[in-house]
Amino acid sequence: MRSTTDAERRGWTQNPEAVQQDILTVALAEFAENGFSGARVDTIASRTQTSKRMIYYYFGDKLGLYTRALEAAYLRVRQGETQLELDHLAPQEALARLVAFTFDHHRANPDFIRMVMIENIHKARHLAESQVIRDLNEAAIDKLTEICRRGQDAGVFREGLDPAALHWQISAASFFNVSNRPTFSAIFGNALFEDDGQEAIRRQTVDAILAIACKPGVRDPENE
């Protein structure tokens, strides 16, 4: 790793938000790789342009840093959903775009998946303490609730859709695609994880969720 110049040090000192983002990026990778117990703050500090003392200054302790890294991982996916600008789209198209985004995001962010896996191993002990994560995920359900309402008002979605269950179904395929890749590949080969295989699974995942949500005979408007 190259040495940090005096100019860079001054820049980081004058930009505490950038310092914290740098720390969180490195911390997320370290916690995802080694878990909470195995991660080392010394290692995180050595891979950033700051010090262990500064990390504790910003985040309090190792648990505070872990929690903020977990929150940052959830924030990234929720911010990505917001940027989709789904409100002006037909309900079927909005749902299809949300499913495709979730699949793509999880595939591109395996550290997020590993962090969630770690939390599940620990029965969500740390996640449950974060009001930030609860608020972020309530917003995700609110978004799906609105899409479902618009689809039902338009007569294209089934009545009685449960937005939380729909979120579960979207997450299930997108999450499994990353979390179980090593074991699935070892048993069945890697073809499904090549670009062509991933494109096919992505398309089928979108189709499957639309089939759950839409009334019989209603198709995705993009395919009509």
Protein backbone atom coordinates (compact mmCIF):
# COMPACT_ATOMS: atom_id res chain seq x y z
CA MET A 1 0.00 0.00 0.00
CA ARG A 2 1.48 3.38 -1.00
CA SER A 3 2.29 6.03 1.61
CA THR A 4 -0.22 8.81 2.21
CA THR A 5 1.03 12.27 1.27
CA ASP A 6 0.83 15.30 3.57
CA ALA A 7 -1.72 16.87 1.20
CA GLU A 8 -3.91 13.79 1.38
CA ARG A 9 -3.70 13.73 5.17
CA ARG A 10 -4.80 17.37 5.34
CA GLY A 11 -7.65 16.63 2.93
CA TRP A 12 -8.92 13.74 5.00
CA THR A 13 -8.65 15.75 8.22
CA GLN A 14 -10.74 18.48 6.66
CA ASN A 15 -13.34 16.03 5.33
CA PRO A 16 -14.53 13.87 8.25
CA GLU A 17 -17.46 12.45 6.26
CA ALA A 18 -15.08 11.09 3.65
CA VAL A 19 -12.89 9.62 6.40
CA GLN A 20 -15.87 7.86 7.93
CA GLN A 21 -17.04 6.52 4.56
CA ASP A 22 -13.56 5.18 3.88
CA ILE A 23 -13.52 3.45 7.26
CA LEU A 24 -16.99 1.97 6.74
CA THR A 25 -16.09 0.64 3.28
CA VAL A 26 -13.04 -1.16 4.64
CA ALA A 27 -14.84 -2.28 7.80
CA LEU A 28 -17.69 -3.81 5.80
CA ALA A 29 -15.24 -5.95 3.84
CA GLU A 30 -13.36 -6.98 7.00
CA PHE A 31 -16.49 -7.91 8.96
CA ALA A 32 -17.99 -9.71 5.96
CA GLU A 33 -14.81 -11.77 5.58
CA ASN A 34 -14.14 -12.57 9.23
CA GLY A 35 -17.33 -11.92 11.19
CA PHE A 36 -17.62 -9.71 14.24
CA SER A 37 -15.34 -11.78 16.46
CA GLY A 38 -12.69 -12.44 13.83
CA ALA A 39 -12.43 -8.90 12.45
CA ARG A 40 -9.64 -6.71 13.79
CA VAL A 41 -9.84 -2.95 14.16
CA ASP A 42 -6.05 -2.83 13.72
CA THR A 43 -6.48 -4.42 10.29
CA ILE A 44 -9.21 -1.96 9.33
CA ALA A 45 -7.05 0.98 10.42
CA SER A 46 -4.09 -0.30 8.41
CA ARG A 47 -6.20 -0.36 5.25
CA THR A 48 -7.57 3.16 5.63
CA GLN A 49 -6.05 6.61 5.65
CA THR A 50 -6.68 7.05 9.36
CA SER A 51 -5.77 5.51 12.71
CA LYS A 52 -7.28 3.08 15.21
CA ARG A 53 -7.68 6.00 17.61
CA MET A 54 -9.65 7.95 15.01
CA ILE A 55 -11.88 4.93 14.32
CA TYR A 56 -12.79 4.77 18.01
CA TYR A 57 -13.34 8.53 18.01
CA TYR A 58 -15.92 8.27 15.23
CA PHE A 59 -17.58 4.95 16.10
CA GLY A 60 -17.04 4.47 19.84
CA ASP A 61 -15.90 0.86 19.83
CA LYS A 62 -15.76 -2.25 17.65
CA LEU A 63 -19.48 -2.96 18.08
CA GLY A 64 -20.31 0.61 17.12
CA LEU A 65 -18.22 0.26 13.98
CA TYR A 66 -19.81 -3.09 13.11
CA THR A 67 -23.32 -1.70 13.58
CA ARG A 68 -22.59 1.35 11.42
CA ALA A 69 -21.10 -0.87 8.70
CA LEU A 70 -24.22 -3.06 8.77
CA GLU A 71 -26.43 0.02 8.59
CA ALA A 72 -24.39 1.38 5.68
CA ALA A 73 -24.86 -1.90 3.80
CA TYR A 74 -28.65 -1.70 4.19
CA LEU A 75 -28.65 1.99 3.37
CA ARG A 76 -26.95 1.31 0.05
CA VAL A 77 -29.65 -1.08 -1.15
CA ARG A 78 -32.46 1.17 0.04
CA GLN A 79 -30.89 4.22 -1.65
CA GLY A 80 -30.61 2.21 -4.86
CA GLU A 81 -34.32 1.43 -4.68
CA THR A 82 -35.13 5.11 -4.23
CA GLN A 83 -33.15 6.02 -7.32
CA LEU A 84 -35.30 3.68 -9.45
CA GLU A 85 -38.09 6.32 -9.50
CA LEU A 86 -40.86 3.72 -9.70
CA ASP A 87 -43.85 5.97 -9.03
CA HIS A 88 -44.35 7.00 -12.67
CA LEU A 89 -44.21 3.42 -13.99
CA ALA A 90 -47.11 1.02 -14.53
CA PRO A 91 -47.41 -1.28 -11.48
CA GLN A 92 -46.19 -4.39 -13.32
CA GLU A 93 -43.20 -2.52 -14.72
CA ALA A 94 -42.41 -0.97 -11.33
CA LEU A 95 -42.43 -4.39 -9.66
CA ALA A 96 -40.35 -5.93 -12.45
CA ARG A 97 -37.75 -3.17 -12.16
CA LEU A 98 -37.58 -3.54 -8.37
CA VAL A 99 -37.05 -7.30 -8.63
CA ALA A 100 -34.36 -6.91 -11.28
CA PHE A 101 -32.60 -4.26 -9.21
CA THR A 102 -32.61 -6.47 -6.11
CA PHE A 103 -31.17 -9.39 -8.07
CA ASP A 104 -28.45 -7.21 -9.59
CA HIS A 105 -27.61 -5.43 -6.33
CA HIS A 106 -27.18 -8.64 -4.36
CA ARG A 107 -25.08 -10.19 -7.11
CA ALA A 108 -22.81 -7.12 -7.18
CA ASN A 109 -22.53 -6.81 -3.38
CA PRO A 110 -21.57 -10.18 -1.89
CA ASP A 111 -20.28 -8.46 1.28
CA PHE A 112 -23.84 -7.34 2.02
CA ILE A 113 -25.02 -10.93 1.70
CA ARG A 114 -22.25 -12.19 3.97
CA MET A 115 -23.10 -9.58 6.61
CA VAL A 116 -26.73 -10.69 6.59
CA MET A 117 -25.62 -14.32 6.83
CA ILE A 118 -23.46 -13.46 9.85
CA GLU A 119 -26.39 -11.71 11.51
CA ASN A 120 -28.58 -14.76 10.91
CA ILE A 121 -25.96 -16.99 12.52
CA HIS A 122 -26.11 -14.71 15.56
CA LYS A 123 -29.93 -14.60 15.47
CA ALA A 124 -29.91 -10.94 14.36
CA ARG A 125 -28.62 -9.86 17.77
CA HIS A 126 -26.88 -6.73 16.51
CA LEU A 127 -29.35 -5.91 13.75
CA ALA A 128 -32.25 -5.97 16.20
CA GLU A 129 -30.61 -3.17 18.19
CA SER A 130 -30.51 -0.82 15.20
CA GLN A 131 -33.45 1.55 14.79
CA VAL A 132 -31.80 2.77 11.57
CA ILE A 133 -32.11 -0.66 9.94
CA ARG A 134 -35.70 -1.09 11.10
CA ASP A 135 -36.63 2.29 9.64
CA LEU A 136 -34.86 1.55 6.35
CA ASN A 137 -36.64 -1.74 5.91
CA GLU A 138 -40.02 -0.34 6.87
CA ALA A 139 -39.51 2.10 4.00
CA ALA A 140 -38.88 -0.85 1.67
CA ILE A 141 -42.18 -2.44 2.69
CA ASP A 142 -43.93 0.90 2.27
CA LYS A 143 -42.64 1.07 -1.30
CA LEU A 144 -43.95 -2.41 -2.09
CA THR A 145 -47.25 -1.61 -0.38
CA GLU A 146 -47.71 1.37 -2.70
CA ILE A 147 -46.87 -0.69 -5.80
CA CYS A 148 -49.37 -3.36 -4.72
CA ARG A 149 -52.05 -0.75 -4.06
CA ARG A 150 -51.57 0.82 -7.48
CA GLY A 151 -51.67 -2.59 -9.14
CA GLN A 152 -54.87 -3.55 -7.36
CA ASP A 153 -56.49 -0.19 -8.15
CA ALA A 154 -55.60 -0.74 -11.80
CA GLY A 155 -57.11 -4.23 -11.72
CA VAL A 156 -53.88 -6.00 -12.66
CA PHE A 157 -52.70 -7.33 -9.27
CA ARG A 158 -54.39 -9.95 -7.14
CA GLU A 159 -56.26 -8.84 -4.05
CA GLY A 160 -54.81 -9.76 -0.68
CA LEU A 161 -51.14 -9.45 -1.62
CA ASP A 162 -48.92 -9.25 1.45
CA PRO A 163 -46.08 -6.77 0.75
CA ALA A 164 -43.86 -8.32 3.43
CA ALA A 165 -44.34 -11.78 1.90
CA LEU A 166 -43.60 -10.35 -1.55
CA HIS A 167 -40.42 -8.78 -0.18
CA TRP A 168 -39.47 -12.17 1.27
CA GLN A 169 -40.01 -13.85 -2.10
CA ILE A 170 -37.97 -11.24 -3.97
CA SER A 171 -35.17 -11.47 -1.43
CA ALA A 172 -35.16 -15.26 -1.31
CA ALA A 173 -34.07 -15.87 -4.90
CA SER A 174 -31.73 -12.88 -5.02
CA PHE A 175 -30.08 -13.84 -1.73
CA PHE A 176 -29.73 -17.56 -2.50
CA ASN A 177 -28.08 -16.70 -5.80
CA VAL A 178 -25.12 -15.29 -3.85
CA SER A 179 -25.18 -17.04 -0.48
CA ASN A 180 -25.31 -20.58 -1.89
CA ARG A 181 -23.15 -20.14 -4.95
CA PRO A 182 -20.13 -22.06 -3.53
CA THR A 183 -22.13 -25.15 -2.52
CA PHE A 184 -24.40 -25.07 -5.57
CA SER A 185 -21.41 -24.75 -7.92
CA ALA A 186 -19.56 -27.56 -6.19
CA ILE A 187 -22.52 -29.90 -6.70
CA PHE A 188 -23.97 -28.80 -10.06
CA GLY A 189 -21.17 -26.88 -11.76
CA ASN A 190 -20.74 -23.18 -12.42
CA ALA A 191 -22.83 -22.73 -15.58
CA LEU A 192 -25.70 -20.94 -13.84
CA PHE A 193 -23.27 -18.37 -12.48
CA GLU A 194 -21.78 -17.44 -15.84
CA ASP A 195 -23.23 -14.33 -17.49
CA ASP A 196 -25.74 -16.22 -19.64
CA GLY A 197 -26.92 -18.32 -16.72
CA GLN A 198 -27.30 -15.29 -14.48
CA GLU A 199 -29.28 -13.41 -17.12
CA ALA A 200 -31.65 -16.37 -17.46
CA ILE A 201 -32.16 -16.67 -13.69
CA ARG A 202 -32.66 -12.92 -13.38
CA ARG A 203 -35.35 -12.99 -16.08
CA GLN A 204 -37.06 -16.02 -14.54
CA THR A 205 -37.02 -14.42 -11.09
CA VAL A 206 -38.75 -11.32 -12.45
CA ASP A 207 -41.30 -13.50 -14.26
CA ALA A 208 -41.95 -15.59 -11.14
CA ILE A 209 -42.64 -12.56 -8.93
CA LEU A 210 -44.92 -11.04 -11.56
CA ALA A 211 -46.79 -14.35 -11.75
CA ILE A 212 -47.33 -14.22 -7.99
CA ALA A 213 -48.55 -10.62 -8.05
CA CYS A 214 -50.55 -10.41 -11.28
CA LYS A 215 -54.04 -11.67 -11.94
CA PRO A 216 -54.24 -14.58 -14.41
CA GLY A 217 -53.91 -13.36 -17.96
CA VAL A 218 -52.21 -10.08 -17.05
CA ARG A 219 -48.81 -9.67 -18.64
CA ASP A 220 -45.86 -7.37 -18.14
CA PRO A 221 -46.65 -4.32 -20.31
CA GLU A 222 -43.10 -4.37 -21.69
CA ASN A 223 -43.83 -7.75 -23.29
CA GLU A 224 -47.15 -6.85 -24.87
